[in-house]
Amino acid sequence: MPIHEKTLIRPENLVTHEHLEIDGVDVSGHWSTFIESRAVTDYNENLQEEISALAGGENIHRCWQCGSCTNACTVNAINPDFNPRYWIYLIRMGMEEELLRDKDIIWQCVSCNKCTYACPRDVVPEGVMKATAHWLELKGHTPESPSTIFDDGFSQQVFDTGKIEDSRVMRGFFKGTGQSLTQPWLVAMVTGLIKRFPLFYLIRMGWQTVFRPKTRGWGRASRAIHEYVEEVEAANRAALGLDAKGAK
């Protein structure tokens, strides 16, 4: 695995001369590749504390950079740019700008937990990846991912009613991700279900979609859950120095 210093070399800092002769020796091409110096000045000294304050990132300080997480990673086997070890290094060094260069692939973690099982220091790298993805969203560096939109809709329905109504969850997900409900595969699936499901079950699904039944006596539990969620979200924003609207 390449050392981190090599990873920090940006392609635009590599300069190759097509025609170069030094003391009568032709060193054209790769022989004359030079690395232009660059200074990293945008350190975020609180970056590790911000990540560790979010759920899953609590043990990031334990990492000793052995690389077991990346070596075991399912996604890294397909995409070498997905490198939990490197990102943990950047977080602990406070290199926020470098971390943001990979903001579009950090969320690709599939939560297989191979990294967590391989880690000898109980860092829980899978949790760190989730905390980092959450940090990117809270900071406004990335939009909500489709999985987050689904999780929010699913959770909100449980918080409100104590029940899960599948069709409502799916409609909310498709609306949140800007997808049409008339996609051919979805129409074919729904048509197949209608043909195979008993009539009483279809009537029950339709009734639940319209009236949204709640678990009996769910009011107090719902209020308690909402209060807890608001407290956690407020704590997360405070840890990142954000106000109630998510601004600095």
Protein backbone atom coordinates (compact mmCIF):
# COMPACT_ATOMS: atom_id res chain seq x y z
CA MET A 1 0.00 0.00 0.00
CA PRO A 2 1.44 3.43 -0.88
CA ILE A 3 2.51 5.65 1.98
CA HIS A 4 0.30 8.63 2.76
CA GLU A 5 2.89 11.15 1.62
CA LYS A 6 2.60 9.72 -1.89
CA THR A 7 -1.19 9.94 -1.72
CA LEU A 8 -0.93 13.63 -0.85
CA ILE A 9 0.87 14.35 -4.13
CA ARG A 10 -1.66 15.91 -6.48
CA PRO A 11 -1.48 15.12 -10.21
CA GLU A 12 -1.25 18.82 -11.05
CA ASN A 13 1.98 19.00 -9.03
CA LEU A 14 3.71 16.45 -11.23
CA VAL A 15 5.74 18.04 -14.02
CA THR A 16 7.25 15.97 -16.83
CA HIS A 17 9.57 17.42 -19.48
CA GLU A 18 9.21 15.87 -22.92
CA HIS A 19 12.67 17.07 -23.92
CA LEU A 20 15.32 17.57 -21.24
CA GLU A 21 19.07 17.04 -21.30
CA ILE A 22 21.27 17.38 -18.21
CA ASP A 23 25.08 17.27 -18.56
CA GLY A 24 24.73 15.61 -21.93
CA VAL A 25 22.36 12.93 -20.63
CA ASP A 26 18.86 12.68 -22.10
CA VAL A 27 16.42 12.49 -19.17
CA SER A 28 13.27 13.21 -21.15
CA GLY A 29 9.91 11.67 -20.22
CA HIS A 30 9.40 9.98 -16.86
CA TRP A 31 13.07 10.36 -15.98
CA SER A 32 12.48 14.10 -15.69
CA THR A 33 9.33 14.01 -13.57
CA PHE A 34 9.51 16.63 -10.84
CA ILE A 35 7.19 17.17 -7.90
CA GLU A 36 6.33 20.80 -7.32
CA SER A 37 6.21 21.78 -3.68
CA ARG A 38 2.92 22.60 -2.03
CA ALA A 39 2.00 23.81 1.43
CA VAL A 40 -1.03 22.60 3.38
CA THR A 41 -2.22 25.53 5.47
CA ASP A 42 -5.94 24.90 5.93
CA TYR A 43 -5.78 22.67 9.00
CA ASN A 44 -8.95 22.12 11.02
CA GLU A 45 -7.57 21.45 14.48
CA ASN A 46 -11.00 20.31 15.68
CA LEU A 47 -11.65 17.81 12.88
CA GLN A 48 -10.98 14.68 14.95
CA GLU A 49 -13.11 16.02 17.80
CA GLU A 50 -15.94 16.80 15.37
CA ILE A 51 -15.93 13.28 13.92
CA SER A 52 -15.58 11.60 17.31
CA ALA A 53 -18.59 13.57 18.61
CA LEU A 54 -20.83 11.85 16.05
CA ALA A 55 -22.24 8.34 16.46
CA GLY A 56 -19.69 5.79 15.27
CA GLY A 57 -16.63 8.02 15.47
CA GLU A 58 -16.01 7.71 19.20
CA ASN A 59 -12.93 5.48 18.92
CA ILE A 60 -11.08 7.15 16.04
CA HIS A 61 -8.30 8.22 18.44
CA ARG A 62 -7.30 4.56 18.89
CA CYS A 63 -6.13 4.12 15.29
CA TRP A 64 -2.43 3.32 14.87
CA GLN A 65 -2.52 3.15 11.06
CA CYS A 66 -1.87 -0.57 10.66
CA GLY A 67 -4.01 -0.68 7.49
CA SER A 68 -6.06 -3.75 8.49
CA CYS A 69 -9.30 -1.89 7.72
CA THR A 70 -8.35 -1.03 4.15
CA ASN A 71 -6.85 -4.47 3.50
CA ALA A 72 -10.12 -6.11 4.59
CA CYS A 73 -12.41 -3.58 2.88
CA THR A 74 -14.93 -4.95 0.38
CA VAL A 75 -15.16 -1.66 -1.53
CA ASN A 76 -11.38 -1.14 -1.65
CA ALA A 77 -11.04 -4.46 -3.47
CA ILE A 78 -13.10 -2.92 -6.29
CA ASN A 79 -12.12 0.74 -5.97
CA PRO A 80 -8.58 1.32 -4.59
CA ASP A 81 -9.44 4.99 -3.99
CA PHE A 82 -11.76 3.90 -1.16
CA ASN A 83 -9.23 3.95 1.68
CA PRO A 84 -10.52 4.12 5.29
CA ARG A 85 -6.99 4.08 6.69
CA TYR A 86 -6.04 7.17 4.68
CA TRP A 87 -9.19 9.09 5.62
CA ILE A 88 -8.71 8.35 9.31
CA TYR A 89 -5.16 9.66 8.91
CA LEU A 90 -6.45 12.88 7.32
CA ILE A 91 -9.06 13.35 10.05
CA ARG A 92 -6.52 12.91 12.83
CA MET A 93 -4.12 15.31 11.06
CA GLY A 94 -6.90 17.88 10.58
CA MET A 95 -6.49 17.95 6.79
CA GLU A 96 -10.08 18.89 5.97
CA GLU A 97 -9.44 20.04 2.39
CA GLU A 98 -7.70 16.77 1.56
CA LEU A 99 -10.61 14.83 3.05
CA LEU A 100 -13.11 16.79 0.96
CA ARG A 101 -11.35 15.68 -2.22
CA ASP A 102 -12.89 12.23 -1.61
CA LYS A 103 -16.30 13.41 -0.43
CA ASP A 104 -18.05 11.71 -3.36
CA ILE A 105 -16.79 8.21 -2.51
CA ILE A 106 -16.66 8.14 1.32
CA TRP A 107 -20.40 7.37 1.44
CA GLN A 108 -19.87 4.19 -0.62
CA CYS A 109 -19.20 2.15 2.55
CA VAL A 110 -21.50 -0.91 2.42
CA SER A 111 -21.33 -1.61 6.19
CA CYS A 112 -20.06 -5.16 5.69
CA ASN A 113 -18.04 -4.66 8.92
CA LYS A 114 -15.04 -6.63 7.64
CA CYS A 115 -12.88 -3.68 8.68
CA THR A 116 -14.35 -3.73 12.17
CA TYR A 117 -13.64 -7.44 12.61
CA ALA A 118 -10.07 -6.99 11.33
CA CYS A 119 -9.22 -3.91 13.43
CA PRO A 120 -6.91 -4.83 16.35
CA ARG A 121 -7.63 -1.59 18.20
CA ASP A 122 -11.46 -1.58 18.22
CA VAL A 123 -11.57 1.64 16.22
CA VAL A 124 -14.77 0.43 14.51
CA PRO A 125 -13.78 1.85 11.08
CA GLU A 126 -17.27 1.18 9.70
CA GLY A 127 -18.66 3.51 12.34
CA VAL A 128 -16.02 6.12 11.52
CA MET A 129 -17.04 5.99 7.84
CA LYS A 130 -20.68 6.53 8.78
CA ALA A 131 -19.74 9.37 11.15
CA THR A 132 -17.64 10.96 8.41
CA ALA A 133 -20.49 10.71 5.89
CA HIS A 134 -22.81 12.28 8.48
CA TRP A 135 -20.24 15.03 9.10
CA LEU A 136 -20.11 15.79 5.36
CA GLU A 137 -23.91 16.17 5.29
CA LEU A 138 -24.08 18.33 8.42
CA LYS A 139 -21.34 20.60 7.09
CA GLY A 140 -23.17 20.95 3.78
CA HIS A 141 -20.36 19.42 1.73
CA THR A 142 -22.60 16.73 0.23
CA PRO A 143 -26.36 16.39 -0.32
CA GLU A 144 -28.31 13.71 1.49
CA SER A 145 -27.56 10.31 0.01
CA PRO A 146 -30.45 8.07 -1.18
CA SER A 147 -29.84 5.72 1.76
CA THR A 148 -30.12 8.62 4.21
CA ILE A 149 -33.37 9.78 2.60
CA PHE A 150 -34.80 6.28 2.94
CA ASP A 151 -33.64 5.97 6.56
CA ASP A 152 -35.16 9.33 7.45
CA GLY A 153 -38.52 8.44 5.92
CA PHE A 154 -38.57 5.00 7.50
CA SER A 155 -37.60 6.34 10.94
CA GLN A 156 -39.99 9.27 10.82
CA GLN A 157 -42.93 6.96 10.16
CA VAL A 158 -42.00 4.79 13.16
CA PHE A 159 -41.58 7.87 15.36
CA ASP A 160 -44.97 9.26 14.32
CA THR A 161 -47.14 6.13 14.30
CA GLY A 162 -45.23 3.21 15.80
CA LYS A 163 -45.96 1.28 12.58
CA ILE A 164 -44.48 0.78 9.14
CA GLU A 165 -46.66 1.29 6.08
CA ASP A 166 -44.54 0.06 3.17
CA SER A 167 -46.22 1.94 0.35
CA ARG A 168 -45.93 5.26 2.20
CA VAL A 169 -42.22 4.65 2.85
CA MET A 170 -41.65 3.88 -0.83
CA ARG A 171 -43.60 6.92 -2.02
CA GLY A 172 -41.66 9.16 0.32
CA PHE A 173 -38.36 7.70 -0.87
CA PHE A 174 -39.17 8.16 -4.55
CA LYS A 175 -40.36 11.72 -3.94
CA GLY A 176 -37.27 12.56 -1.89
CA THR A 177 -34.92 11.23 -4.55
CA GLY A 178 -36.82 12.83 -7.44
CA GLN A 179 -37.82 9.51 -9.02
CA SER A 180 -41.08 8.85 -10.82
CA LEU A 181 -43.57 6.34 -9.44
CA THR A 182 -44.38 5.22 -12.99
CA GLN A 183 -41.06 3.50 -13.66
CA PRO A 184 -41.65 0.29 -15.66
CA TRP A 185 -40.05 -2.03 -13.10
CA LEU A 186 -42.12 -0.51 -10.27
CA VAL A 187 -45.36 -0.71 -12.24
CA ALA A 188 -44.60 -4.35 -13.10
CA MET A 189 -43.87 -5.17 -9.44
CA VAL A 190 -47.06 -3.53 -8.16
CA THR A 191 -49.13 -5.18 -10.89
CA GLY A 192 -47.68 -8.55 -9.96
CA LEU A 193 -48.47 -8.02 -6.28
CA ILE A 194 -52.04 -7.02 -7.04
CA LYS A 195 -52.54 -10.22 -9.03
CA ARG A 196 -51.08 -12.46 -6.35
CA PHE A 197 -52.08 -10.88 -3.01
CA PRO A 198 -55.42 -11.77 -1.36
CA LEU A 199 -58.10 -9.12 -1.76
CA PHE A 200 -58.45 -8.48 1.99
CA TYR A 201 -54.73 -7.71 2.22
CA LEU A 202 -54.91 -5.19 -0.63
CA ILE A 203 -57.92 -3.51 1.00
CA ARG A 204 -56.02 -3.34 4.30
CA MET A 205 -53.00 -1.75 2.59
CA GLY A 206 -55.21 0.85 0.93
CA TRP A 207 -56.94 1.64 4.24
CA GLN A 208 -53.59 2.09 6.03
CA THR A 209 -52.33 4.37 3.28
CA VAL A 210 -55.31 6.71 3.69
CA PHE A 211 -55.85 6.69 7.47
CA ARG A 212 -52.32 6.02 8.79
CA PRO A 213 -53.21 3.97 11.88
CA LYS A 214 -51.10 4.36 15.02
CA THR A 215 -50.03 1.91 17.67
CA ARG A 216 -52.43 2.18 20.58
CA GLY A 217 -51.17 4.61 23.24
CA TRP A 218 -48.29 5.70 21.03
CA GLY A 219 -48.60 9.43 21.76
CA ARG A 220 -46.31 9.56 24.81
CA ALA A 221 -43.73 7.27 23.22
CA SER A 222 -43.75 9.38 20.06
CA ARG A 223 -43.14 12.60 21.99
CA ALA A 224 -40.29 11.02 23.96
CA ILE A 225 -38.63 9.74 20.79
CA HIS A 226 -38.93 13.10 19.06
CA GLU A 227 -37.44 14.88 22.10
CA TYR A 228 -34.51 12.45 22.16
CA VAL A 229 -33.85 12.82 18.42
CA GLU A 230 -33.94 16.61 18.72
CA GLU A 231 -31.46 16.48 21.62
CA VAL A 232 -29.05 14.27 19.66
CA GLU A 233 -29.29 16.44 16.53
CA ALA A 234 -28.73 19.59 18.59
CA ALA A 235 -25.68 17.98 20.24
CA ASN A 236 -24.30 16.99 16.82
CA ARG A 237 -24.70 20.52 15.48
CA ALA A 238 -23.13 22.01 18.61
CA ALA A 239 -20.13 19.66 18.31
CA LEU A 240 -19.55 20.98 14.79
CA GLY A 241 -20.10 24.61 15.79
CA LEU A 242 -23.35 24.88 13.82
CA ASP A 243 -26.55 26.66 14.79
CA ALA A 244 -30.08 25.24 14.62
CA LYS A 245 -30.18 25.89 10.86
CA GLY A 246 -26.86 24.17 10.24
CA ALA A 247 -24.89 27.38 9.68
CA LYS A 248 -21.66 28.44 11.37
